Amino acid sequence: MHRKNIFLKTALVLSLVLFISSFSLAAKKDKEGDDLKIKGKAYIQWQDDLEEDQHSFGVTRAYLQFLKKLDDTFSVKITADAINNLPSDDSAGNTSKSNTYEFYLKNAYLNAKKKITDDLKCSFSLGMIGTPNIGVVDSLSDYRWVYNNYLDKSKNILGTSLDTSADLGASLNFNIMKMVSLTGALTNGEGYKQASEESNGKSIYGTVSINPFKLGEDKKGDGLFINGYLKRTNGFVEDGDNLLSYYGGGVAWKSKLIKVGANIYAGEKKSSDQKFSLFDSYLHSNLDCVIKMPVLVMGRFAFGKDKDNSDSKVTKMGIGAGYKFCKSVRSLLYYEKTQYETIKSNDMLYLKTEVKY
């Protein structure tokens, strides 16, 4: 088994070297570029615990991003991430008292893209990359400035973490006829908050996103999306212990007026002998194209549970209204209710603002 793992890893490394080499040969024919973009965004909020009559201000997140186009093939992306760990409730209703700023390297990767034919394009990323499953959900919902999707923040519902939005590794994407996107990724499985690998395990991702119906003249980026997700984190030890795995699917509609979608996941975590199910849905509407005012209406419904524990179900519901002041600033008054099976529910009121710079 040990020799087999060495062979598999060696074959993977050689495959990656050959793949990158093919991009390098193509890059020699491309004109070198000097494009450098620096941008960022911050999430600012006021929150009020309606049950405890406690309220506070906070900057929950601040990003600074550097994008460098090296030539027509290669580019680099680096993102610095400042996190404010505001008090939050887990699936048991326990409140974390942490309230400190922490700084992380969220992204730092080399990306190579290549047009194989008019109907087939591929890209390859290496370094601290974004994980594909969470990336697909966030790109379709545009809900991240309000809160993470609950695959990313599954600990709030299930009491255990299923995935992370970035990790050290490599990913390969194929886009077919601007309709089907296939992504595979291999990562350390520890997330971007862990700078070094502590085990021989790896996380393997498989993601498919199908866009069968498109909107707009350019027929790109909007319409109906049908998605599939898979993740398996394995210790690669001799007994083949599968540490965590999940699979899921979802459907989404994306347009200028409305973004709406739902995703469902199921899987198991052997280290805690837990089998789980998770459902997450969202509504994000900008009424500007209807009433000529950029009024925002947003909603959220999610729940999850341990399949072997009937009292473990946690349900989260949210609704809010806001306004998009300009391209770079939008705000939302947002009410959220968390229901537990065995303890008192929790009610929160937020004023959330996103600032892009």
Protein backbone atom coordinates (compact mmCIF):
# COMPACT_ATOMS: atom_id res chain seq x y z
CA MET A 1 0.00 0.00 0.00
CA HIS A 2 2.86 2.40 0.85
CA ARG A 3 4.57 1.78 -2.52
CA LYS A 4 1.25 2.28 -4.28
CA ASN A 5 0.77 5.68 -2.63
CA ILE A 6 4.32 6.74 -3.60
CA PHE A 7 3.64 5.71 -7.20
CA LEU A 8 0.36 7.63 -7.31
CA LYS A 9 1.92 10.78 -5.87
CA THR A 10 4.89 10.56 -8.25
CA ALA A 11 2.57 10.13 -11.22
CA LEU A 12 0.54 13.13 -10.10
CA VAL A 13 3.63 15.35 -9.80
CA LEU A 14 4.90 14.31 -13.23
CA SER A 15 1.48 14.97 -14.76
CA LEU A 16 1.42 18.46 -13.29
CA VAL A 17 4.93 19.20 -14.58
CA LEU A 18 4.01 18.10 -18.11
CA PHE A 19 0.77 20.09 -17.98
CA ILE A 20 2.52 23.29 -16.86
CA SER A 21 5.19 22.75 -19.52
CA SER A 22 2.52 22.74 -22.24
CA PHE A 23 1.32 26.12 -21.01
CA SER A 24 4.88 27.45 -20.98
CA LEU A 25 5.39 26.57 -24.65
CA ALA A 26 2.20 28.42 -25.53
CA ALA A 27 3.20 31.41 -23.39
CA LYS A 28 6.37 32.00 -25.43
CA LYS A 29 4.19 33.01 -28.35
CA ASP A 30 2.15 35.46 -26.25
CA LYS A 31 2.85 39.11 -25.73
CA GLU A 32 3.96 39.91 -22.20
CA GLY A 33 1.61 42.10 -20.16
CA ASP A 34 2.04 44.70 -17.48
CA ASP A 35 -1.49 44.74 -16.08
CA LEU A 36 -1.51 45.13 -12.28
CA LYS A 37 -4.74 45.62 -10.37
CA ILE A 38 -5.05 46.38 -6.66
CA LYS A 39 -8.49 46.24 -5.11
CA GLY A 40 -10.27 45.15 -1.98
CA LYS A 41 -13.44 45.17 0.05
CA ALA A 42 -14.57 45.36 3.66
CA TYR A 43 -17.63 44.08 5.51
CA ILE A 44 -18.78 46.45 8.25
CA GLN A 45 -21.69 45.71 10.55
CA TRP A 46 -23.66 46.62 13.65
CA GLN A 47 -25.33 43.73 15.45
CA ASP A 48 -27.92 43.51 18.21
CA ASP A 49 -28.69 40.35 20.18
CA LEU A 50 -32.43 40.82 20.71
CA GLU A 51 -32.55 38.13 23.42
CA GLU A 52 -29.68 39.45 25.54
CA ASP A 53 -29.98 43.16 24.64
CA GLN A 54 -26.30 43.26 23.61
CA HIS A 55 -25.06 45.21 20.61
CA SER A 56 -21.72 46.04 19.01
CA PHE A 57 -19.97 47.39 15.91
CA GLY A 58 -17.42 45.42 13.95
CA VAL A 59 -15.44 45.06 10.75
CA THR A 60 -16.03 41.38 10.14
CA ARG A 61 -13.76 41.11 7.11
CA ALA A 62 -11.30 43.18 5.09
CA TYR A 63 -9.58 42.00 1.91
CA LEU A 64 -6.70 43.46 -0.07
CA GLN A 65 -6.17 41.81 -3.44
CA PHE A 66 -3.34 42.02 -5.97
CA LEU A 67 -3.94 40.76 -9.50
CA LYS A 68 -1.05 40.65 -11.96
CA LYS A 69 -1.39 39.60 -15.58
CA LEU A 70 2.01 38.23 -16.63
CA ASP A 71 1.05 37.56 -20.26
CA ASP A 72 -1.86 36.14 -22.21
CA THR A 73 -1.43 32.79 -20.47
CA PHE A 74 -0.18 33.37 -16.93
CA SER A 75 -1.49 35.52 -14.09
CA VAL A 76 -1.01 35.77 -10.33
CA LYS A 77 -3.53 36.47 -7.58
CA ILE A 78 -2.65 37.34 -3.97
CA THR A 79 -5.29 38.16 -1.34
CA ALA A 80 -4.63 39.31 2.23
CA ASP A 81 -7.51 38.58 4.59
CA ALA A 82 -8.20 40.28 7.96
CA ILE A 83 -10.86 38.51 10.06
CA ASN A 84 -12.65 39.81 13.12
CA ASN A 85 -13.79 36.81 15.16
CA LEU A 86 -16.97 38.34 16.54
CA PRO A 87 -18.95 36.31 19.10
CA SER A 88 -21.06 33.66 17.36
CA ASP A 89 -23.26 30.69 18.24
CA ASP A 90 -22.47 27.08 17.31
CA SER A 91 -24.99 24.30 16.67
CA ALA A 92 -25.50 23.80 20.43
CA GLY A 93 -26.19 27.47 21.06
CA ASN A 94 -22.86 28.07 22.78
CA THR A 95 -21.50 31.56 22.20
CA SER A 96 -17.84 32.06 21.30
CA LYS A 97 -16.34 35.01 23.17
CA SER A 98 -13.41 35.48 20.80
CA ASN A 99 -13.26 39.03 19.44
CA THR A 100 -9.80 39.54 17.94
CA TYR A 101 -8.41 40.38 14.51
CA GLU A 102 -6.41 37.72 12.70
CA PHE A 103 -4.54 38.06 9.41
CA TYR A 104 -4.21 35.32 6.81
CA LEU A 105 -2.96 34.76 3.29
CA LYS A 106 -6.28 33.87 1.68
CA ASN A 107 -5.00 33.42 -1.91
CA ALA A 108 -1.56 33.19 -3.45
CA TYR A 109 -1.55 31.25 -6.67
CA LEU A 110 -0.35 31.09 -10.23
CA ASN A 111 -3.07 30.67 -12.84
CA ALA A 112 -2.58 29.49 -16.41
CA LYS A 113 -5.30 29.47 -19.02
CA LYS A 114 -5.39 28.08 -22.52
CA LYS A 115 -7.92 28.07 -25.34
CA ILE A 116 -7.78 24.62 -26.90
CA THR A 117 -10.63 25.14 -29.38
CA ASP A 118 -13.47 27.65 -29.75
CA ASP A 119 -15.63 25.36 -27.61
CA LEU A 120 -13.03 24.14 -25.11
CA LYS A 121 -11.00 26.21 -22.65
CA CYS A 122 -8.98 25.11 -19.66
CA SER A 123 -7.23 26.73 -16.73
CA PHE A 124 -4.84 25.49 -14.07
CA SER A 125 -4.13 27.02 -10.63
CA LEU A 126 -1.33 26.19 -8.22
CA GLY A 127 -0.76 27.55 -4.71
CA MET A 128 -3.21 28.83 -2.10
CA ILE A 129 -6.30 28.39 -4.26
CA GLY A 130 -10.02 28.88 -3.74
CA THR A 131 -11.86 25.59 -3.26
CA PRO A 132 -14.33 24.92 -6.10
CA ASN A 133 -17.53 23.91 -4.31
CA ILE A 134 -17.78 27.00 -2.10
CA GLY A 135 -16.56 29.13 -5.00
CA VAL A 136 -19.45 28.08 -7.25
CA VAL A 137 -22.09 28.79 -4.59
CA ASP A 138 -20.67 32.23 -3.70
CA SER A 139 -20.31 33.31 -7.33
CA LEU A 140 -23.96 32.54 -8.08
CA SER A 141 -25.52 33.93 -4.88
CA ASP A 142 -23.49 37.14 -4.31
CA TYR A 143 -24.51 36.61 -0.67
CA ARG A 144 -21.06 36.48 0.90
CA TRP A 145 -21.13 40.12 2.07
CA VAL A 146 -24.16 39.26 4.21
CA TYR A 147 -22.79 35.94 5.49
CA ASN A 148 -20.95 32.81 4.38
CA ASN A 149 -22.84 29.99 2.73
CA TYR A 150 -23.49 27.16 5.19
CA LEU A 151 -21.20 24.70 3.48
CA ASP A 152 -18.45 27.14 4.44
CA LYS A 153 -19.96 27.77 7.91
CA SER A 154 -21.42 24.31 8.53
CA LYS A 155 -20.08 24.40 12.09
CA ASN A 156 -22.85 26.89 12.96
CA ILE A 157 -25.47 24.28 12.06
CA LEU A 158 -23.84 20.85 12.28
CA GLY A 159 -21.22 21.56 14.93
CA THR A 160 -18.49 20.35 12.58
CA SER A 161 -16.61 21.93 9.68
CA LEU A 162 -17.10 20.35 6.25
CA ASP A 163 -15.10 22.63 3.99
CA THR A 164 -12.94 25.71 3.73
CA SER A 165 -13.03 28.46 1.12
CA ALA A 166 -9.28 28.23 0.30
CA ASP A 167 -6.49 25.69 0.68
CA LEU A 168 -2.99 24.84 -0.51
CA GLY A 169 -3.12 22.72 -3.64
CA ALA A 170 -3.84 22.61 -7.35
CA SER A 171 -6.99 22.75 -9.47
CA LEU A 172 -7.82 22.10 -13.11
CA ASN A 173 -10.91 23.46 -14.87
CA PHE A 174 -12.41 22.71 -18.27
CA ASN A 175 -15.10 24.93 -19.79
CA ILE A 176 -17.03 23.24 -22.59
CA MET A 177 -19.09 25.32 -25.04
CA LYS A 178 -19.58 27.99 -22.35
CA MET A 179 -22.20 25.65 -20.95
CA VAL A 180 -20.45 23.03 -18.84
CA SER A 181 -17.72 23.74 -16.28
CA LEU A 182 -15.78 20.78 -14.84
CA THR A 183 -13.33 21.33 -11.98
CA GLY A 184 -11.08 18.95 -10.09
CA ALA A 185 -8.81 19.92 -7.21
CA LEU A 186 -6.28 18.29 -4.89
CA THR A 187 -5.47 20.15 -1.65
CA ASN A 188 -3.85 19.60 1.72
CA GLY A 189 -7.27 19.51 3.34
CA GLU A 190 -6.36 21.81 6.22
CA GLY A 191 -7.57 25.16 4.91
CA TYR A 192 -5.86 28.52 4.44
CA LYS A 193 -5.49 29.06 8.19
CA GLN A 194 -2.96 26.20 8.32
CA ALA A 195 0.33 27.12 6.65
CA SER A 196 1.89 23.66 6.81
CA GLU A 197 0.65 20.11 6.36
CA GLU A 198 0.39 18.04 9.52
CA SER A 199 -0.71 14.71 8.05
CA ASN A 200 -0.46 12.62 4.89
CA GLY A 201 -4.10 13.27 4.06
CA LYS A 202 -5.43 15.15 1.08
CA SER A 203 -8.78 16.56 0.01
CA ILE A 204 -10.08 15.68 -3.45
CA TYR A 205 -12.77 17.84 -5.06
CA GLY A 206 -15.03 17.30 -8.03
CA THR A 207 -17.37 20.05 -9.20
CA VAL A 208 -19.69 20.33 -12.17
CA SER A 209 -21.73 23.39 -13.12
CA ILE A 210 -24.11 23.26 -16.09
CA ASN A 211 -25.62 26.44 -17.56
CA PRO A 212 -28.26 25.09 -20.01
CA PHE A 213 -30.25 28.32 -20.31
CA LYS A 214 -28.58 31.73 -20.63
CA LEU A 215 -29.75 35.33 -20.45
CA GLY A 216 -28.52 38.49 -22.13
CA GLU A 217 -27.07 39.32 -25.51
CA ASP A 218 -23.64 37.93 -24.65
CA LYS A 219 -25.21 34.70 -23.34
CA LYS A 220 -22.68 34.58 -20.54
CA GLY A 221 -22.85 34.51 -16.76
CA ASP A 222 -26.63 34.54 -16.16
CA GLY A 223 -29.51 32.12 -16.45
CA LEU A 224 -30.17 28.67 -15.01
CA PHE A 225 -27.41 26.66 -13.31
CA ILE A 226 -27.44 23.03 -12.20
CA ASN A 227 -24.52 22.08 -9.97
CA GLY A 228 -22.97 18.99 -8.44
CA TYR A 229 -20.44 18.85 -5.59
CA LEU A 230 -18.11 16.20 -4.21
CA LYS A 231 -15.37 16.27 -1.59
CA ARG A 232 -13.40 13.45 -0.01
CA THR A 233 -10.69 13.93 2.61
CA ASN A 234 -8.68 10.77 3.11
CA GLY A 235 -5.79 9.95 5.42
CA PHE A 236 -4.12 7.80 2.74
CA VAL A 237 -3.16 5.36 5.50
CA GLU A 238 -2.94 1.62 5.02
CA ASP A 239 -6.45 0.86 6.25
CA GLY A 240 -7.88 3.46 3.86
CA ASP A 241 -9.60 5.43 6.60
CA ASN A 242 -11.95 7.99 5.04
CA LEU A 243 -11.90 10.97 7.38
CA LEU A 244 -14.62 13.08 5.77
CA SER A 245 -16.72 12.99 2.64
CA TYR A 246 -19.76 14.77 1.30
CA TYR A 247 -21.67 15.03 -1.94
CA GLY A 248 -24.47 17.32 -3.00
CA GLY A 249 -26.30 19.18 -5.68
CA GLY A 250 -28.05 22.44 -6.29
CA VAL A 251 -29.98 24.62 -8.66
CA ALA A 252 -29.68 28.39 -9.10
CA TRP A 253 -31.12 31.23 -11.16
CA LYS A 254 -29.01 34.33 -11.70
CA SER A 255 -30.09 37.59 -13.37
CA LYS A 256 -29.92 41.36 -12.82
CA LEU A 257 -33.26 41.26 -11.01
CA ILE A 258 -32.91 38.18 -8.85
CA LYS A 259 -30.47 35.55 -7.66
CA VAL A 260 -32.14 32.55 -6.06
CA GLY A 261 -30.88 29.07 -5.36
CA ALA A 262 -30.86 26.01 -3.13
CA ASN A 263 -28.21 23.41 -2.32
CA ILE A 264 -28.41 20.14 -0.42
CA TYR A 265 -25.51 18.08 0.94
CA ALA A 266 -25.10 14.71 2.65
CA GLY A 267 -22.09 12.86 3.96
CA GLU A 268 -20.19 11.53 6.92
CA LYS A 269 -17.29 12.33 9.21
CA LYS A 270 -15.75 9.13 10.53
CA SER A 271 -13.60 10.77 13.20
CA SER A 272 -16.80 11.70 15.06
CA ASP A 273 -18.93 8.86 13.62
CA GLN A 274 -21.34 11.49 12.28
CA LYS A 275 -23.69 11.21 9.31
CA PHE A 276 -25.19 14.53 8.37
CA SER A 277 -27.50 16.35 5.98
CA LEU A 278 -27.48 20.06 5.20
CA PHE A 279 -29.82 22.32 3.22
CA ASP A 280 -29.06 25.95 2.31
CA SER A 281 -31.14 28.35 0.20
CA TYR A 282 -31.02 32.06 -0.57
CA LEU A 283 -32.83 34.93 -2.26
CA HIS A 284 -31.01 38.08 -3.41
CA SER A 285 -32.94 40.65 -5.41
CA ASN A 286 -32.07 44.11 -6.74
CA LEU A 287 -35.27 45.90 -7.83
CA ASP A 288 -33.49 48.61 -9.85
CA CYS A 289 -34.57 47.22 -13.22
CA VAL A 290 -38.22 47.20 -12.07
CA ILE A 291 -38.75 50.34 -9.95
CA LYS A 292 -35.67 52.32 -11.10
CA MET A 293 -34.30 52.34 -7.54
CA PRO A 294 -31.58 49.92 -6.36
CA VAL A 295 -33.60 48.53 -3.45
CA LEU A 296 -32.31 45.20 -2.15
CA VAL A 297 -34.50 42.37 -0.82
CA MET A 298 -32.76 39.34 0.65
CA GLY A 299 -33.73 36.12 2.40
CA ARG A 300 -32.15 32.96 3.74
CA PHE A 301 -33.37 29.55 4.92
CA ALA A 302 -31.07 26.73 6.00
CA PHE A 303 -31.13 23.70 8.26
CA GLY A 304 -28.96 20.73 9.10
CA LYS A 305 -28.84 17.75 11.42
CA ASP A 306 -27.02 14.62 12.46
CA LYS A 307 -29.03 11.78 10.95
CA ASP A 308 -28.59 9.65 14.11
CA ASN A 309 -29.65 12.39 16.53
CA SER A 310 -33.21 13.72 16.22
CA ASP A 311 -32.46 16.59 18.64
CA SER A 312 -29.54 17.92 16.63
CA LYS A 313 -31.54 19.86 14.03
CA VAL A 314 -30.66 23.56 13.73
CA THR A 315 -32.67 25.92 11.51
CA LYS A 316 -31.62 29.41 10.41
CA MET A 317 -33.95 31.94 8.77
CA GLY A 318 -33.12 35.47 7.66
CA ILE A 319 -34.81 38.35 5.89
CA GLY A 320 -33.63 41.84 5.06
CA ALA A 321 -34.05 44.99 2.99
CA GLY A 322 -31.39 47.41 1.88
CA TYR A 323 -30.09 49.84 -0.72
CA LYS A 324 -27.20 49.92 -3.18
CA PHE A 325 -25.89 53.50 -2.96
CA CYS A 326 -23.35 53.13 -5.76
CA LYS A 327 -21.28 50.47 -7.47
CA SER A 328 -18.99 50.21 -4.43
CA VAL A 329 -21.34 50.62 -1.43
CA ARG A 330 -24.43 48.70 -0.38
CA SER A 331 -26.17 48.26 2.99
CA LEU A 332 -28.76 45.90 4.43
CA LEU A 333 -30.96 45.79 7.55
CA TYR A 334 -31.14 42.07 8.29
CA TYR A 335 -33.04 39.98 10.84
CA GLU A 336 -31.94 36.41 11.59
CA LYS A 337 -33.54 33.75 13.73
CA THR A 338 -31.82 30.52 14.83
CA GLN A 339 -33.99 27.69 16.12
CA TYR A 340 -32.74 24.72 18.15
CA GLU A 341 -34.61 21.54 19.10
CA THR A 342 -33.78 21.53 22.81
CA ILE A 343 -32.79 25.09 23.77
CA LYS A 344 -34.17 28.59 23.36
CA SER A 345 -34.00 30.19 19.92
CA ASN A 346 -31.75 33.15 19.19
CA ASP A 347 -32.81 36.38 17.43
CA MET A 348 -30.31 38.82 15.91
CA LEU A 349 -30.64 42.15 14.10
CA TYR A 350 -27.85 43.42 11.84
CA LEU A 351 -27.01 46.47 9.80
CA LYS A 352 -24.52 45.18 7.23
CA THR A 353 -22.47 47.24 4.77
CA GLU A 354 -20.09 46.23 2.00
CA VAL A 355 -17.50 48.70 0.77
CA LYS A 356 -15.40 47.98 -2.33
CA TYR A 357 -12.22 49.94 -3.01
